[in-house]
N, C-alpha and C. Protein backbone atom coordinates (compact mmCIF):
# COMPACT_ATOMS: atom_id res chain seq x y z
N MET A 1 -34.10 2.75 27.23
CA MET A 1 -32.52 1.88 27.30
C MET A 1 -31.10 2.88 26.91
N ASN A 2 -31.09 3.87 25.71
CA ASN A 2 -29.76 3.63 25.02
C ASN A 2 -28.85 4.49 26.16
N LYS A 3 -28.59 3.36 26.44
CA LYS A 3 -26.56 3.35 26.39
C LYS A 3 -25.24 3.58 26.61
N ASP A 4 -24.79 5.12 26.68
CA ASP A 4 -23.15 4.88 26.11
C ASP A 4 -22.19 4.43 26.62
N TYR A 5 -21.95 3.10 25.59
CA TYR A 5 -21.03 1.63 26.26
C TYR A 5 -19.63 1.94 25.88
N ASN A 6 -19.58 3.29 26.21
CA ASN A 6 -17.50 4.05 25.70
C ASN A 6 -17.59 4.19 26.59
N THR A 7 -19.01 4.98 27.57
CA THR A 7 -18.59 5.71 28.70
C THR A 7 -18.51 5.13 29.88
N ASP A 8 -19.28 3.36 30.01
CA ASP A 8 -19.73 2.65 30.92
C ASP A 8 -18.29 1.67 31.30
N LEU A 9 -17.58 1.92 30.51
CA LEU A 9 -17.01 0.91 30.35
C LEU A 9 -15.37 1.80 31.26
N ILE A 10 -15.33 2.98 31.58
CA ILE A 10 -14.52 3.79 32.08
C ILE A 10 -14.64 4.19 33.43
N ASP A 11 -13.64 3.40 33.88
CA ASP A 11 -14.09 3.54 36.02
C ASP A 11 -13.49 5.34 36.37
N LYS A 12 -14.34 5.87 37.30
CA LYS A 12 -14.43 7.24 37.18
C LYS A 12 -13.26 6.76 38.22
N ASP A 13 -13.50 5.97 39.51
CA ASP A 13 -12.55 6.36 40.41
C ASP A 13 -11.20 6.22 40.09
N GLU A 14 -10.96 5.74 38.90
CA GLU A 14 -9.47 5.25 38.12
C GLU A 14 -8.75 6.60 38.36
N ASP A 15 -6.97 6.87 38.94
CA ASP A 15 -6.48 7.89 38.76
C ASP A 15 -6.24 8.06 37.23
N VAL A 16 -6.31 9.43 36.69
CA VAL A 16 -5.09 9.19 35.37
C VAL A 16 -4.47 9.30 35.25
N LYS A 17 -2.87 8.98 35.15
CA LYS A 17 -1.45 9.32 34.64
C LYS A 17 -1.15 10.12 34.35
N SER A 18 0.26 10.62 35.19
CA SER A 18 0.32 12.31 34.26
C SER A 18 1.09 11.27 32.99
N GLU A 19 2.04 12.43 33.16
CA GLU A 19 3.52 11.59 31.47
C GLU A 19 4.13 11.89 32.53
N SER A 20 4.32 11.82 33.25
CA SER A 20 6.06 11.06 34.62
C SER A 20 5.85 9.55 34.35
N ASP A 21 4.76 9.99 34.56
CA ASP A 21 3.77 7.79 35.24
C ASP A 21 3.98 7.25 33.88
N LYS A 22 4.31 7.57 32.93
CA LYS A 22 4.32 7.17 31.79
C LYS A 22 6.03 6.50 31.45
N PRO A 23 6.61 4.58 30.89
CA PRO A 23 7.29 4.50 31.08
C PRO A 23 8.67 4.50 29.48
N GLU A 24 9.22 5.14 30.35
CA GLU A 24 10.77 5.88 29.69
C GLU A 24 10.50 4.92 28.13
N SER A 25 10.70 4.93 26.66
CA SER A 25 10.97 4.81 25.76
C SER A 25 12.79 4.31 25.42
N PHE A 26 12.30 3.05 24.45
CA PHE A 26 13.92 3.25 25.06
C PHE A 26 14.10 2.38 23.18
N SER A 27 15.05 2.29 22.85
CA SER A 27 15.39 1.49 20.93
C SER A 27 16.66 0.19 21.49
N LEU A 28 15.95 -0.01 20.52
CA LEU A 28 17.34 -1.89 21.02
C LEU A 28 17.85 -1.35 19.28
N ASP A 29 19.15 -2.20 19.30
CA ASP A 29 19.68 -1.63 17.72
C ASP A 29 19.56 -2.98 17.36
N VAL A 30 18.74 -3.45 16.46
CA VAL A 30 18.08 -4.15 15.92
C VAL A 30 18.60 -4.36 14.07
N LEU A 31 20.06 -3.18 14.21
CA LEU A 31 19.55 -2.64 12.39
C LEU A 31 21.00 -4.58 12.11
N ASP A 32 20.31 -5.61 10.38
CA ASP A 32 21.25 -6.49 10.29
C ASP A 32 22.58 -5.85 10.18
N LYS A 33 24.00 -6.73 9.54
CA LYS A 33 24.36 -6.72 9.09
C LYS A 33 25.15 -5.28 8.10
N GLU A 34 24.11 -6.02 6.75
CA GLU A 34 24.22 -5.06 5.30
C GLU A 34 23.30 -3.57 5.57
N GLU A 35 22.91 -3.79 6.81
CA GLU A 35 21.27 -2.11 7.77
C GLU A 35 22.98 -1.49 8.23
N ARG A 36 23.83 -2.45 8.76
CA ARG A 36 24.76 -1.12 9.47
C ARG A 36 26.35 -0.54 8.39
N ASP A 37 26.44 -1.08 7.58
CA ASP A 37 27.08 -1.51 6.58
C ASP A 37 26.59 -0.45 5.29
N ASN A 38 25.34 -0.91 5.61
CA ASN A 38 24.92 0.14 4.49
C ASN A 38 23.70 1.62 4.68
N PRO A 39 23.79 2.29 5.57
CA PRO A 39 22.90 3.40 6.39
C PRO A 39 21.98 3.11 5.04
N PRO A 40 20.52 3.50 5.81
CA PRO A 40 18.89 4.35 4.83
C PRO A 40 20.12 4.92 3.59
N SER A 41 20.69 5.99 3.70
CA SER A 41 20.80 7.01 2.52
C SER A 41 21.28 6.75 1.43
N SER A 42 22.19 5.11 1.96
CA SER A 42 23.02 4.81 1.06
C SER A 42 22.55 3.12 0.56
N LYS A 43 21.59 2.82 1.12
CA LYS A 43 21.39 1.62 0.59
C LYS A 43 20.37 1.05 -0.29
N PRO A 44 20.90 0.03 -1.42
CA PRO A 44 21.35 -0.02 -2.78
C PRO A 44 18.90 -0.17 -2.62
N ILE A 45 18.37 -0.44 -3.73
CA ILE A 45 17.30 -0.37 -3.13
C ILE A 45 17.02 -2.18 -4.41
N HIS A 46 16.17 -2.24 -4.13
CA HIS A 46 15.98 -3.90 -5.72
C HIS A 46 14.15 -3.96 -5.79
N LYS A 47 14.32 -4.85 -6.24
CA LYS A 47 13.17 -4.56 -7.17
C LYS A 47 11.33 -5.39 -7.02
N SER A 48 12.34 -6.08 -5.58
CA SER A 48 11.99 -6.98 -4.38
C SER A 48 11.15 -5.74 -3.48
N MET A 49 11.35 -4.58 -3.21
CA MET A 49 10.89 -4.21 -2.37
C MET A 49 9.87 -4.04 -1.80
N ILE A 50 9.36 -3.37 -0.76
CA ILE A 50 8.08 -3.08 -1.09
C ILE A 50 8.12 -1.49 -1.82
N ILE A 51 6.77 -0.93 -2.20
CA ILE A 51 7.51 0.81 -2.37
C ILE A 51 6.65 1.87 -1.01
N ALA A 52 6.66 1.48 -0.98
CA ALA A 52 6.38 2.05 0.89
C ALA A 52 7.88 2.04 1.61
N GLU A 53 9.00 0.97 1.72
CA GLU A 53 10.01 1.51 1.98
C GLU A 53 10.92 1.90 1.25
N VAL A 54 10.80 2.38 -0.33
CA VAL A 54 11.44 2.17 -0.42
C VAL A 54 11.17 3.99 -0.38
N VAL A 55 10.42 4.14 -0.13
CA VAL A 55 9.73 5.57 -0.02
C VAL A 55 10.19 6.01 1.23
N ASP A 56 10.03 5.29 1.94
CA ASP A 56 10.07 5.45 3.58
C ASP A 56 11.60 5.49 3.91
N ILE A 57 12.98 5.09 3.27
CA ILE A 57 14.36 5.20 3.22
C ILE A 57 15.19 5.75 2.60
N HIS A 58 14.40 6.46 0.91
CA HIS A 58 14.65 7.24 0.37
C HIS A 58 13.70 8.28 -0.86
N PRO A 59 13.20 9.27 0.46
CA PRO A 59 12.01 9.93 0.19
C PRO A 59 12.50 11.17 -1.17
N ASP A 60 14.08 11.20 -0.93
CA ASP A 60 13.78 11.92 -2.40
C ASP A 60 14.55 10.91 -3.16
N VAL A 61 14.06 10.08 -3.85
CA VAL A 61 13.96 9.04 -5.24
C VAL A 61 12.24 9.57 -5.59
N ILE A 62 11.76 10.12 -4.60
CA ILE A 62 10.65 10.18 -5.16
C ILE A 62 9.91 10.46 -6.67
N PRO A 63 10.18 11.52 -6.81
CA PRO A 63 10.89 12.19 -7.94
C PRO A 63 11.33 10.96 -9.21
N LEU A 64 12.16 10.40 -8.98
CA LEU A 64 13.22 9.65 -10.37
C LEU A 64 11.09 8.71 -10.08
N LEU A 65 10.98 8.06 -9.16
CA LEU A 65 9.80 6.89 -9.30
C LEU A 65 8.78 7.34 -9.99
N ILE A 66 8.14 8.62 -10.00
CA ILE A 66 7.41 9.84 -10.66
C ILE A 66 7.44 9.66 -11.69
N ASP A 67 8.28 9.79 -12.32
CA ASP A 67 9.71 10.48 -13.04
C ASP A 67 9.17 8.47 -14.71
N SER A 68 9.06 7.94 -13.35
CA SER A 68 8.91 6.64 -14.41
C SER A 68 8.42 6.22 -14.72
N GLY A 69 7.03 6.83 -13.63
CA GLY A 69 5.98 6.21 -14.40
C GLY A 69 5.58 5.29 -13.60
N MET A 70 5.86 5.38 -12.23
CA MET A 70 5.19 4.90 -10.41
C MET A 70 4.40 6.39 -10.01
N HIS A 71 3.19 6.45 -10.47
CA HIS A 71 2.37 7.63 -10.16
C HIS A 71 1.94 7.05 -8.83
N CYS A 72 2.00 5.37 -7.97
CA CYS A 72 1.41 5.11 -6.74
C CYS A 72 2.04 5.50 -5.18
N ILE A 73 2.59 6.13 -5.59
CA ILE A 73 3.80 6.37 -4.57
C ILE A 73 2.74 6.72 -3.50
N GLY A 74 2.04 7.33 -2.99
CA GLY A 74 1.36 7.28 -2.31
C GLY A 74 -0.16 6.67 -2.05
N CYS A 75 -0.77 6.19 -2.83
CA CYS A 75 -2.06 4.64 -3.18
C CYS A 75 -1.93 3.46 -2.01
N GLY A 76 -2.65 3.26 -1.24
CA GLY A 76 -2.88 1.74 -0.42
C GLY A 76 -1.86 0.54 -1.02
N ALA A 77 -1.95 0.24 -1.98
CA ALA A 77 -1.17 -0.39 -2.38
C ALA A 77 0.11 -0.37 -2.33
N SER A 78 0.59 0.79 -2.06
CA SER A 78 2.72 0.87 -1.85
C SER A 78 2.44 0.09 -1.04
N MET A 79 2.07 0.10 0.17
CA MET A 79 1.68 -0.64 1.38
C MET A 79 2.35 -2.42 0.92
N PHE A 80 1.70 -2.96 -0.18
CA PHE A 80 2.31 -3.80 -0.12
C PHE A 80 2.97 -4.75 -1.77
N GLU A 81 3.12 -3.05 -2.65
CA GLU A 81 3.38 -4.09 -3.70
C GLU A 81 3.93 -3.38 -3.32
N THR A 82 5.99 -4.13 -4.26
CA THR A 82 6.36 -4.50 -4.63
C THR A 82 7.03 -3.81 -5.66
N LEU A 83 8.09 -2.45 -5.88
CA LEU A 83 8.41 -1.76 -7.09
C LEU A 83 7.86 -2.96 -8.46
N GLU A 84 8.75 -3.80 -8.29
CA GLU A 84 8.55 -5.02 -9.41
C GLU A 84 6.87 -4.70 -10.16
N GLU A 85 6.48 -4.91 -8.74
CA GLU A 85 4.91 -5.39 -9.24
C GLU A 85 3.84 -4.19 -9.64
N GLY A 86 4.60 -3.49 -9.14
CA GLY A 86 4.43 -1.81 -9.37
C GLY A 86 4.16 -1.38 -10.84
N PHE A 87 5.59 -1.17 -11.50
CA PHE A 87 5.94 -0.87 -12.38
C PHE A 87 5.72 -2.03 -13.25
N ILE A 88 4.78 -3.03 -12.81
CA ILE A 88 4.61 -3.97 -14.18
C ILE A 88 3.15 -3.33 -14.50
N GLY A 89 2.08 -3.67 -13.18
CA GLY A 89 1.18 -2.41 -13.67
C GLY A 89 0.16 -1.41 -13.93
N HIS A 90 2.28 -0.53 -14.57
CA HIS A 90 2.10 0.41 -15.31
C HIS A 90 3.00 0.28 -16.17
N GLY A 91 2.74 -0.97 -16.97
CA GLY A 91 3.12 -1.27 -18.02
C GLY A 91 4.47 -1.69 -18.57
N MET A 92 5.28 -2.26 -17.79
CA MET A 92 6.46 -1.85 -18.29
C MET A 92 6.83 -3.51 -18.16
N ASP A 93 8.08 -3.87 -18.92
CA ASP A 93 8.56 -5.31 -18.89
C ASP A 93 9.72 -5.26 -18.51
N GLU A 94 10.59 -6.23 -17.94
CA GLU A 94 11.11 -7.01 -16.85
C GLU A 94 12.03 -5.46 -17.26
N ARG A 95 12.61 -5.57 -18.54
CA ARG A 95 14.16 -4.62 -18.69
C ARG A 95 14.01 -3.01 -18.63
N GLU A 96 12.65 -3.45 -18.95
CA GLU A 96 12.30 -1.31 -18.41
C GLU A 96 12.36 -1.18 -16.93
N ILE A 97 12.22 -1.97 -16.07
CA ILE A 97 12.38 -2.41 -15.07
C ILE A 97 13.77 -2.24 -14.34
N ASP A 98 14.21 -3.24 -14.87
CA ASP A 98 15.51 -3.35 -14.82
C ASP A 98 16.82 -2.29 -14.66
N LYS A 99 16.61 -1.13 -15.71
CA LYS A 99 17.22 0.12 -16.05
C LYS A 99 16.73 1.09 -15.42
N ILE A 100 15.40 1.29 -14.61
CA ILE A 100 14.86 1.84 -13.82
C ILE A 100 15.77 1.60 -12.03
N ILE A 101 15.65 0.97 -11.94
CA ILE A 101 16.01 0.23 -10.44
C ILE A 101 17.44 0.11 -10.43
N ASP A 102 19.04 0.53 -11.83
CA ASP A 102 19.91 0.82 -12.07
C ASP A 102 20.26 2.31 -11.87
N ASP A 103 18.89 2.61 -12.75
CA ASP A 103 19.47 4.25 -12.04
C ASP A 103 19.38 5.00 -11.37
N ILE A 104 18.12 4.03 -10.43
CA ILE A 104 17.93 4.38 -9.16
C ILE A 104 18.94 3.92 -7.66
N ASN A 105 20.00 3.24 -8.37
CA ASN A 105 20.50 2.77 -7.21
C ASN A 105 22.45 3.72 -7.78
N LYS A 106 22.00 4.06 -9.56
CA LYS A 106 23.14 5.08 -8.90
C LYS A 106 23.14 6.67 -9.02
N TYR A 107 21.49 6.61 -8.82
CA TYR A 107 21.16 8.27 -7.99
C TYR A 107 22.23 7.85 -5.97
N ILE A 108 21.13 7.36 -6.11
CA ILE A 108 21.66 7.12 -4.71
C ILE A 108 22.27 6.84 -4.08
N LYS A 109 24.17 5.80 -5.07
CA LYS A 109 25.53 6.40 -4.57
C LYS A 109 26.14 7.36 -4.91
N GLN A 110 25.23 7.79 -5.81
CA GLN A 110 25.89 9.57 -6.00
C GLN A 110 25.54 10.19 -5.41
N ALA A 111 24.30 10.39 -4.43
CA ALA A 111 24.06 11.53 -3.17
C ALA A 111 24.71 10.95 -2.65
N SER A 112 24.86 10.24 -2.08
CA SER A 112 25.43 9.68 -1.03
C SER A 112 27.44 10.04 -0.68
N LYS A 113 27.24 9.79 -2.47
CA LYS A 113 28.54 10.21 -2.03
C LYS A 113 28.84 11.53 -1.82
N ASP A 114 27.98 12.85 -2.36
CA ASP A 114 28.15 13.70 -2.31
C ASP A 114 28.12 13.98 -0.78
N LYS A 115 27.16 13.78 0.26
CA LYS A 115 26.16 14.11 1.42
C LYS A 115 28.18 14.19 1.66
N ASP A 116 28.68 12.06 1.72
CA ASP A 116 30.05 11.98 2.57
C ASP A 116 30.81 13.56 2.50
N ASN A 117 31.25 13.58 1.31
CA ASN A 117 31.68 15.03 1.22
C ASN A 117 30.93 16.45 1.20
N ASP A 118 30.00 16.83 1.43
CA ASP A 118 29.38 17.77 2.10
C ASP A 118 30.52 18.41 3.69
N ASN A 119 30.54 16.63 4.39
CA ASN A 119 30.96 16.42 6.24
C ASN A 119 32.07 16.30 5.64
């Protein structure tokens, strides 16, 4: 009595839908005012942001984070840990954290200006 329950759940007579039968995807403009005024390339970061969020918005700052001691960019904790928590976990105090965040925001601002000048 060794049944394969996964295949027992499949209705053999059900028609397989083709790609054209799938509904079209759509997106909604759900950005808040700050996000519209500061597109991701120029949006400043803050220490209460989740590490993965920062990396998603600003992948170009990964080397800056690593150089500053944040070596857990890709670890599981980056999905729920804030920048501040990550830096504290790596032995940094508030003064050091604030300096790093300030330096990264200066980099983001300059990179945004450089990008605007290229266009």
